[in-house]
Amino acid sequence: MADEAIIVELLGEKGDPIRYTCDDTIAIAKGSVMELTSPRTVIQSTLVDKPIAGIAASEKVANDGQTSIAVYTNGIFQMKCATTQCEIGDCVSANAADNNITLSSSLDREMGWDVGTAMETIAIGATGMVKIHK
């Protein structure tokens, strides 16, 4: 997958990773935006308006026998802006299955669909710093 988030700085306790269950048959790229499903399971983000768990901390190879993956929940990552310019301080959300971000709505924040906060102005198609806070 393209446009994975790039670690700039891990905060808290080395990014405050949380380990979740994942499907052994699916490949996950390091830096992928991870969507939370039930029960305490993650998949790569598939659609907008889904709860986000954080950023994949490592690569997961399909059919490697691993059924869990750590997800960073606290850090600064370089991410690409997809559809709407994000200003410094804006809350940002996942933009479907492409690991990009877009400007959040108030409902995104209320529902936990946001990814984090833009730490600089990020033009459409450009990359910039985002503080992940999950």
Foldseek 3Di string as FASTA:
>chain_A
DPFAWAADWADDPRLPKDKFFEAQQDKDAFRFWWFADPPRYIDGFAAAPTATDATFHHIRDHNPPDGMTIHGQWGKIKGAAADAKAAFFFFWAAHGRHNHIYGDDPVCVVSNRTFFGFRHTHHHGGIGIGTGHD
